[in-house]
């Protein structure tokens, strides 16, 4: 019974770490995309100011 309990805890921790790393990678991609789009918007604004 004790072995089963330890196995369950180990499995749970493993699942948690995998889930956290996966969500972290997804968040990083989202942040990169947002940052890139923001940079594009800034460049557009700069071009407009240059035209003015």
PDB file of N, CA and C in Angstrom:
ATOM      1  N   UNK A   1       0.838  -1.205   0.000  1.00  0.00           N
ATOM      2  CA  UNK A   1       0.000   0.000   0.000  1.00  0.00           C
ATOM      3  C   UNK A   1       0.876   1.261   0.000  1.00  0.00           C
ATOM      4  N   UNK A   2       1.937   1.253   0.799  1.00  0.00           N
ATOM      5  CA  UNK A   2       2.828   2.405   0.877  1.00  0.00           C
ATOM      6  C   UNK A   2       3.523   2.651  -0.463  1.00  0.00           C
ATOM      7  N   UNK A   3       3.933   1.543  -1.126  1.00  0.00           N
ATOM      8  CA  UNK A   3       4.610   1.666  -2.421  1.00  0.00           C
ATOM      9  C   UNK A   3       3.680   2.317  -3.450  1.00  0.00           C
ATOM     10  N   UNK A   4       2.420   1.902  -3.429  1.00  0.00           N
ATOM     11  CA  UNK A   4       1.430   2.457  -4.351  1.00  0.00           C
ATOM     12  C   UNK A   4       1.274   3.958  -4.120  1.00  0.00           C
ATOM     13  N   UNK A   5       1.258   4.342  -2.851  1.00  0.00           N
ATOM     14  CA  UNK A   5       1.120   5.755  -2.479  1.00  0.00           C
ATOM     15  C   UNK A   5       2.292   6.574  -3.015  1.00  0.00           C
ATOM     16  N   UNK A   6       3.523   6.041  -2.830  1.00  0.00           N
ATOM     17  CA  UNK A   6       4.711   6.746  -3.325  1.00  0.00           C
ATOM     18  C   UNK A   6       4.708   6.829  -4.848  1.00  0.00           C
ATOM     19  N   UNK A   7       4.250   5.750  -5.486  1.00  0.00           N
ATOM     20  CA  UNK A   7       4.168   5.723  -6.949  1.00  0.00           C
ATOM     21  C   UNK A   7       3.198   6.806  -7.428  1.00  0.00           C
ATOM     22  N   UNK A   8       2.067   6.917  -6.756  1.00  0.00           N
ATOM     23  CA  UNK A   8       1.063   7.921  -7.108  1.00  0.00           C
ATOM     24  C   UNK A   8       1.635   9.331  -6.962  1.00  0.00           C
ATOM     25  N   UNK A   9       2.351   9.578  -5.862  1.00  0.00           N
ATOM     26  CA  UNK A   9       2.952  10.900  -5.635  1.00  0.00           C
ATOM     27  C   UNK A   9       3.973  11.217  -6.725  1.00  0.00           C
ATOM     28  N   UNK A  10       4.818  10.230  -7.059  1.00  0.00           N
ATOM     29  CA  UNK A  10       5.841  10.424  -8.091  1.00  0.00           C
ATOM     30  C   UNK A  10       5.177  10.743  -9.430  1.00  0.00           C
ATOM     31  N   UNK A  11       4.128   9.980  -9.778  1.00  0.00           N
ATOM     32  CA  UNK A  11       3.411  10.202 -11.034  1.00  0.00           C
ATOM     33  C   UNK A  11       2.782  11.590 -11.069  1.00  0.00           C
ATOM     34  N   UNK A  12       2.189  11.990  -9.947  1.00  0.00           N
ATOM     35  CA  UNK A  12       1.537  13.298  -9.860  1.00  0.00           C
ATOM     36  C   UNK A  12       2.548  14.423 -10.052  1.00  0.00           C
ATOM     37  N   UNK A  13       3.704  14.309  -9.386  1.00  0.00           N
ATOM     38  CA  UNK A  13       4.750  15.334  -9.515  1.00  0.00           C
ATOM     39  C   UNK A  13       5.263  15.400 -10.950  1.00  0.00           C
ATOM     40  N   UNK A  14       5.437  14.226 -11.574  1.00  0.00           N
ATOM     41  CA  UNK A  14       5.900  14.174 -12.960  1.00  0.00           C
ATOM     42  C   UNK A  14       4.901  14.872 -13.882  1.00  0.00           C
ATOM     43  N   UNK A  15       3.618  14.550 -13.709  1.00  0.00           N
ATOM     44  CA  UNK A  15       2.564  15.155 -14.517  1.00  0.00           C
ATOM     45  C   UNK A  15       2.546  16.672 -14.338  1.00  0.00           C
ATOM     46  N   UNK A  16       2.688  17.113 -13.083  1.00  0.00           N
ATOM     47  CA  UNK A  16       2.673  18.543 -12.776  1.00  0.00           C
ATOM     48  C   UNK A  16       3.835  19.264 -13.458  1.00  0.00           C
ATOM     49  N   UNK A  17       5.018  18.666 -13.403  1.00  0.00           N
ATOM     50  CA  UNK A  17       6.199  19.297 -14.008  1.00  0.00           C
ATOM     51  C   UNK A  17       6.047  19.381 -15.524  1.00  0.00           C
ATOM     52  N   UNK A  18       5.531  18.313 -16.138  1.00  0.00           N
ATOM     53  CA  UNK A  18       5.320  18.312 -17.592  1.00  0.00           C
ATOM     54  C   UNK A  18       4.321  19.398 -17.964  1.00  0.00           C
ATOM     55  N   UNK A  19       3.213  19.463 -17.221  1.00  0.00           N
ATOM     56  CA  UNK A  19       2.169  20.451 -17.496  1.00  0.00           C
ATOM     57  C   UNK A  19       2.711  21.874 -17.360  1.00  0.00           C
ATOM     58  N   UNK A  20       3.498  22.119 -16.298  1.00  0.00           N
ATOM     59  CA  UNK A  20       4.061  23.451 -16.076  1.00  0.00           C
ATOM     60  C   UNK A  20       5.013  23.854 -17.192  1.00  0.00           C
ATOM     61  N   UNK A  21       5.879  22.919 -17.606  1.00  0.00           N
ATOM     62  CA  UNK A  21       6.843  23.234 -18.665  1.00  0.00           C
ATOM     63  C   UNK A  21       6.099  23.511 -19.973  1.00  0.00           C
ATOM     64  N   UNK A  22       5.047  22.714 -20.260  1.00  0.00           N
ATOM     65  CA  UNK A  22       4.275  22.891 -21.491  1.00  0.00           C
ATOM     66  C   UNK A  22       3.588  24.258 -21.512  1.00  0.00           C
ATOM     67  N   UNK A  23       2.942  24.614 -20.405  1.00  0.00           N
ATOM     68  CA  UNK A  23       2.252  25.909 -20.332  1.00  0.00           C
ATOM     69  C   UNK A  23       3.262  27.051 -20.406  1.00  0.00           C
ATOM     70  N   UNK A  24       4.454  26.847 -19.812  1.00  0.00           N
ATOM     71  CA  UNK A  24       5.493  27.877 -19.844  1.00  0.00           C
ATOM     72  C   UNK A  24       5.945  28.126 -21.276  1.00  0.00           C
ATOM     73  N   UNK A  25       6.139  27.036 -22.047  1.00  0.00           N
ATOM     74  CA  UNK A  25       6.563  27.177 -23.446  1.00  0.00           C
ATOM     75  C   UNK A  25       5.482  27.910 -24.236  1.00  0.00           C
ATOM     76  N   UNK A  26       4.213  27.541 -24.022  1.00  0.00           N
ATOM     77  CA  UNK A  26       3.115  28.196 -24.736  1.00  0.00           C
ATOM     78  C   UNK A  26       3.064  29.681 -24.386  1.00  0.00           C
ATOM     79  N   UNK A  27       3.218  30.006 -23.102  1.00  0.00           N
ATOM     80  CA  UNK A  27       3.199  31.406 -22.676  1.00  0.00           C
ATOM     81  C   UNK A  27       4.333  32.178 -23.328  1.00  0.00           C
ATOM     82  N   UNK A  28       5.520  31.561 -23.414  1.00  0.00           N
ATOM     83  CA  UNK A  28       6.660  32.236 -24.030  1.00  0.00           C
ATOM     84  C   UNK A  28       6.367  32.550 -25.488  1.00  0.00           C
ATOM     85  N   UNK A  29       5.748  31.587 -26.182  1.00  0.00           N
ATOM     86  CA  UNK A  29       5.398  31.824 -27.593  1.00  0.00           C
ATOM     87  C   UNK A  29       4.421  32.978 -27.709  1.00  0.00           C
ATOM     88  N   UNK A  30       3.406  32.980 -26.851  1.00  0.00           N
ATOM     89  CA  UNK A  30       2.409  34.061 -26.858  1.00  0.00           C
ATOM     90  C   UNK A  30       3.076  35.403 -26.618  1.00  0.00           C
ATOM     91  N   UNK A  31       3.957  35.445 -25.619  1.00  0.00           N
ATOM     92  CA  UNK A  31       4.641  36.698 -25.284  1.00  0.00           C
ATOM     93  C   UNK A  31       5.473  37.168 -26.468  1.00  0.00           C
ATOM     94  N   UNK A  32       6.176  36.238 -27.110  1.00  0.00           N
ATOM     95  CA  UNK A  32       6.990  36.595 -28.284  1.00  0.00           C
ATOM     96  C   UNK A  32       6.105  37.190 -29.373  1.00  0.00           C
ATOM     97  N   UNK A  33       4.954  36.544 -29.617  1.00  0.00           N
ATOM     98  CA  UNK A  33       4.044  37.010 -30.667  1.00  0.00           C
ATOM     99  C   UNK A  33       3.542  38.410 -30.349  1.00  0.00           C
ATOM    100  N   UNK A  34       3.143  38.620 -29.093  1.00  0.00           N
ATOM    101  CA  UNK A  34       2.639  39.934 -28.677  1.00  0.00           C
ATOM    102  C   UNK A  34       3.728  40.985 -28.846  1.00  0.00           C
ATOM    103  N   UNK A  35       4.946  40.632 -28.410  1.00  0.00           N
ATOM    104  CA  UNK A  35       6.069  41.567 -28.494  1.00  0.00           C
ATOM    105  C   UNK A  35       6.346  41.937 -29.948  1.00  0.00           C
ATOM    106  N   UNK A  36       6.313  40.915 -30.827  1.00  0.00           N
ATOM    107  CA  UNK A  36       6.581  41.138 -32.245  1.00  0.00           C
ATOM    108  C   UNK A  36       5.524  42.058 -32.849  1.00  0.00           C
ATOM    109  N   UNK A  37       4.245  41.782 -32.550  1.00  0.00           N
ATOM    110  CA  UNK A  37       3.161  42.596 -33.107  1.00  0.00           C
ATOM    111  C   UNK A  37       3.258  44.030 -32.590  1.00  0.00           C
ATOM    112  N   UNK A  38       3.635  44.174 -31.320  1.00  0.00           N
ATOM    113  CA  UNK A  38       3.774  45.514 -30.743  1.00  0.00           C
ATOM    114  C   UNK A  38       4.898  46.266 -31.457  1.00  0.00           C
ATOM    115  N   UNK A  39       5.993  45.560 -31.736  1.00  0.00           N
ATOM    116  CA  UNK A  39       7.123  46.181 -32.429  1.00  0.00           C
ATOM    117  C   UNK A  39       6.699  46.632 -33.827  1.00  0.00           C
ATOM    118  N   UNK A  40       5.915  45.796 -34.514  1.00  0.00           N
ATOM    119  CA  UNK A  40       5.423  46.163 -35.849  1.00  0.00           C
ATOM    120  C   UNK A  40       4.585  47.430 -35.776  1.00  0.00           C
ATOM    121  N   UNK A  41       3.720  47.497 -34.776  1.00  0.00           N
ATOM    122  CA  UNK A  41       2.862  48.673 -34.607  1.00  0.00           C
ATOM    123  C   UNK A  41       3.712  49.917 -34.365  1.00  0.00           C
ATOM    124  N   UNK A  42       4.753  49.778 -33.545  1.00  0.00           N
ATOM    125  CA  UNK A  42       5.641  50.907 -33.264  1.00  0.00           C
ATOM    126  C   UNK A  42       6.341  51.366 -34.541  1.00  0.00           C
ATOM    127  N   UNK A  43       6.778  50.401 -35.351  1.00  0.00           N
ATOM    128  CA  UNK A  43       7.443  50.752 -36.607  1.00  0.00           C
ATOM    129  C   UNK A  43       6.496  51.505 -37.530  1.00  0.00           C
ATOM    130  N   UNK A  44       5.244  51.053 -37.578  1.00  0.00           N
ATOM    131  CA  UNK A  44       4.249  51.742 -38.410  1.00  0.00           C
ATOM    132  C   UNK A  44       4.079  53.184 -37.950  1.00  0.00           C
ATOM    133  N   UNK A  45       3.991  53.356 -36.632  1.00  0.00           N
ATOM    134  CA  UNK A  45       3.821  54.695 -36.071  1.00  0.00           C
ATOM    135  C   UNK A  45       5.008  55.582 -36.450  1.00  0.00           C
ATOM    136  N   UNK A  46       6.218  55.019 -36.338  1.00  0.00           N
ATOM    137  CA  UNK A  46       7.422  55.782 -36.683  1.00  0.00           C
ATOM    138  C   UNK A  46       7.384  56.209 -38.143  1.00  0.00           C
ATOM    139  N   UNK A  47       6.950  55.299 -39.015  1.00  0.00           N
ATOM    140  CA  UNK A  47       6.864  55.624 -40.443  1.00  0.00           C
ATOM    141  C   UNK A  47       5.876  56.767 -40.671  1.00  0.00           C
ATOM    142  N   UNK A  48       4.751  56.713 -39.966  1.00  0.00           N
ATOM    143  CA  UNK A  48       3.754  57.782 -40.097  1.00  0.00           C
ATOM    144  C   UNK A  48       4.356  59.121 -39.687  1.00  0.00           C
ATOM    145  N   UNK A  49       5.094  59.127 -38.578  1.00  0.00           N
ATOM    146  CA  UNK A  49       5.717  60.372 -38.116  1.00  0.00           C
ATOM    147  C   UNK A  49       6.728  60.880 -39.139  1.00  0.00           C
ATOM    148  N   UNK A  50       7.445  59.939 -39.763  1.00  0.00           N
ATOM    149  CA  UNK A  50       8.428  60.340 -40.778  1.00  0.00           C
ATOM    150  C   UNK A  50       7.716  60.989 -41.965  1.00  0.00           C
ATOM    151  N   UNK A  51       6.568  60.427 -42.342  1.00  0.00           N
ATOM    152  CA  UNK A  51       5.815  60.988 -43.461  1.00  0.00           C
ATOM    153  C   UNK A  51       5.313  62.388 -43.124  1.00  0.00           C
ATOM    154  N   UNK A  52       4.891  62.586 -41.868  1.00  0.00           N
ATOM    155  CA  UNK A  52       4.421  63.913 -41.447  1.00  0.00           C
ATOM    156  C   UNK A  52       5.594  64.888 -41.452  1.00  0.00           C
TER     157      UNK A  52
END
